[in-house]
C-alpha atoms as a PDB file:
ATOM      1  CA  MET A   1      14.742   8.105  19.664  1.00  0.00           C
ATOM      2  CA  THR A   2      15.425   7.425  15.980  1.00  0.00           C
ATOM      3  CA  ASN A   3      12.804   6.560  13.467  1.00  0.00           C
ATOM      4  CA  GLN A   4      13.104   4.340  10.402  1.00  0.00           C
ATOM      5  CA  ILE A   5      12.242   6.185   7.211  1.00  0.00           C
ATOM      6  CA  TYR A   6      11.032   4.127   4.288  1.00  0.00           C
ATOM      7  CA  SER A   7      11.451   6.724   1.552  1.00  0.00           C
ATOM      8  CA  GLU A   8      14.378   8.474  -0.129  1.00  0.00           C
ATOM      9  CA  VAL A   9      12.525  11.801  -0.308  1.00  0.00           C
ATOM     10  CA  THR A  10      11.246  13.824   2.681  1.00  0.00           C
ATOM     11  CA  ALA A  11       9.178  16.958   3.054  1.00  0.00           C
ATOM     12  CA  SER A  12       8.146  18.889   6.107  1.00  0.00           C
ATOM     13  CA  ILE A  13       4.560  19.721   7.002  1.00  0.00           C
ATOM     14  CA  SER A  14       5.392  23.335   6.257  1.00  0.00           C
ATOM     15  CA  GLU A  15       6.640  22.446   2.750  1.00  0.00           C
ATOM     16  CA  LEU A  16       3.517  20.389   2.131  1.00  0.00           C
ATOM     17  CA  LYS A  17       1.215  23.221   3.259  1.00  0.00           C
ATOM     18  CA  LYS A  18       3.135  25.752   1.145  1.00  0.00           C
ATOM     19  CA  ASN A  19       3.029  23.828  -2.097  1.00  0.00           C
ATOM     20  CA  PRO A  20       1.417  20.374  -1.893  1.00  0.00           C
ATOM     21  CA  MET A  21       1.899  19.414  -5.555  1.00  0.00           C
ATOM     22  CA  ALA A  22       5.597  20.452  -5.470  1.00  0.00           C
ATOM     23  CA  ALA A  23       6.133  18.288  -2.370  1.00  0.00           C
ATOM     24  CA  VAL A  24       4.483  15.335  -3.983  1.00  0.00           C
ATOM     25  CA  GLY A  25       6.324  15.994  -7.251  1.00  0.00           C
ATOM     26  CA  SER A  26       9.642  15.943  -5.459  1.00  0.00           C
ATOM     27  CA  GLY A  27       9.216  12.190  -5.097  1.00  0.00           C
ATOM     28  CA  GLU A  28       9.161  11.851  -8.940  1.00  0.00           C
ATOM     29  CA  GLY A  29       6.492   9.228  -8.891  1.00  0.00           C
ATOM     30  CA  PHE A  30       7.644   7.521  -5.630  1.00  0.00           C
ATOM     31  CA  PRO A  31       6.272   7.923  -2.107  1.00  0.00           C
ATOM     32  CA  ILE A  32       7.570  10.698   0.119  1.00  0.00           C
ATOM     33  CA  VAL A  33       7.670  10.859   3.891  1.00  0.00           C
ATOM     34  CA  VAL A  34       6.215  13.921   5.489  1.00  0.00           C
ATOM     35  CA  LEU A  35       7.953  14.938   8.660  1.00  0.00           C
ATOM     36  CA  ASN A  36       6.536  16.803  11.664  1.00  0.00           C
ATOM     37  CA  ARG A  37       9.287  18.022  13.968  1.00  0.00           C
ATOM     38  CA  ASN A  38      11.709  15.702  12.122  1.00  0.00           C
ATOM     39  CA  LYS A  39       9.676  12.593  12.853  1.00  0.00           C
ATOM     40  CA  PRO A  40       7.707  10.796  10.144  1.00  0.00           C
ATOM     41  CA  ALA A  41       4.067  11.860  10.339  1.00  0.00           C
ATOM     42  CA  PHE A  42       2.813  10.039   7.209  1.00  0.00           C
ATOM     43  CA  TYR A  43       3.721   8.828   3.799  1.00  0.00           C
ATOM     44  CA  CYS A  44       2.324  10.469   0.642  1.00  0.00           C
ATOM     45  CA  VAL A  45       1.897   7.830  -2.006  1.00  0.00           C
ATOM     46  CA  PRO A  46       1.061   8.536  -5.650  1.00  0.00           C
ATOM     47  CA  ALA A  47      -2.336   7.177  -6.797  1.00  0.00           C
ATOM     48  CA  GLU A  48      -0.840   4.636  -9.158  1.00  0.00           C
ATOM     49  CA  ILE A  49       1.372   3.147  -6.467  1.00  0.00           C
ATOM     50  CA  TYR A  50      -1.519   3.159  -3.945  1.00  0.00           C
ATOM     51  CA  GLU A  51      -3.766   1.336  -6.394  1.00  0.00           C
ATOM     52  CA  ALA A  52      -1.006  -1.296  -7.073  1.00  0.00           C
ATOM     53  CA  MET A  53      -0.587  -1.805  -3.359  1.00  0.00           C
ATOM     54  CA  LEU A  54      -4.301  -2.467  -2.960  1.00  0.00           C
ATOM     55  CA  ASP A  55      -4.270  -4.880  -5.875  1.00  0.00           C
ATOM     56  CA  ARG A  56      -1.375  -6.795  -4.278  1.00  0.00           C
ATOM     57  CA  LEU A  57      -3.127  -6.972  -0.931  1.00  0.00           C
ATOM     58  CA  ASP A  58      -6.284  -8.203  -2.695  1.00  0.00           C
ATOM     59  CA  ASP A  59      -4.224 -10.827  -4.487  1.00  0.00           C
ATOM     60  CA  GLN A  60      -2.719 -12.000  -1.242  1.00  0.00           C
ATOM     61  CA  GLU A  61      -6.145 -12.329   0.305  1.00  0.00           C
ATOM     62  CA  MET A  62      -7.312 -14.395  -2.645  1.00  0.00           C
ATOM     63  CA  VAL A  63      -4.268 -16.664  -2.376  1.00  0.00           C
ATOM     64  CA  ALA A  64      -5.067 -17.283   1.299  1.00  0.00           C
ATOM     65  CA  ILE A  65      -8.695 -18.206   0.408  1.00  0.00           C
ATOM     66  CA  VAL A  66      -7.483 -20.607  -2.307  1.00  0.00           C
ATOM     67  CA  LYS A  67      -4.987 -22.269   0.106  1.00  0.00           C
ATOM     68  CA  GLU A  68      -7.804 -22.700   2.723  1.00  0.00           C
ATOM     69  CA  ARG A  69     -10.059 -24.272   0.138  1.00  0.00           C
ATOM     70  CA  LEU A  70      -7.402 -26.573  -1.151  1.00  0.00           C
ATOM     71  CA  VAL A  71      -7.215 -28.345   2.226  1.00  0.00           C
ATOM     72  CA  GLU A  72     -11.034 -28.583   2.607  1.00  0.00           C
ATOM     73  CA  PRO A  73     -12.508 -31.986   1.834  1.00  0.00           C
ATOM     74  CA  SER A  74     -13.963 -32.140  -1.667  1.00  0.00           C
ATOM     75  CA  ILE A  75     -17.636 -32.509  -2.140  1.00  0.00           C
ATOM     76  CA  ARG A  76     -18.460 -34.707  -5.142  1.00  0.00           C
ATOM     77  CA  VAL A  77     -21.628 -33.975  -6.976  1.00  0.00           C
ATOM     78  CA  ASP A  78     -22.982 -36.236  -9.641  1.00  0.00           C
ATOM     79  CA  LEU A  79     -24.176 -33.846 -12.325  1.00  0.00           C
ATOM     80  CA  ASN A  80     -26.694 -36.488 -13.533  1.00  0.00           C
ATOM     81  CA  GLU A  81     -28.553 -36.160 -10.270  1.00  0.00           C
ATOM     82  CA  LEU A  82     -29.190 -32.451 -10.824  1.00  0.00           C
END
């Protein structure tokens, strides 16, 4: 069975154990895929990219909330009554 790999750089578990920072550095700032028996085990993502991914996910969640609220009926409040 073949596996899709979503990274241009790979490292084996052995390479990662031997020198973790060199394995991560081989990606030159981009994610690397770590292989176990020639199958993707996990992706190692630099902190900056991971943080950007979380920001984008958060943005998408906020867009979904805004879209939901746009279709909700508006509640009109007379500020003079407050």
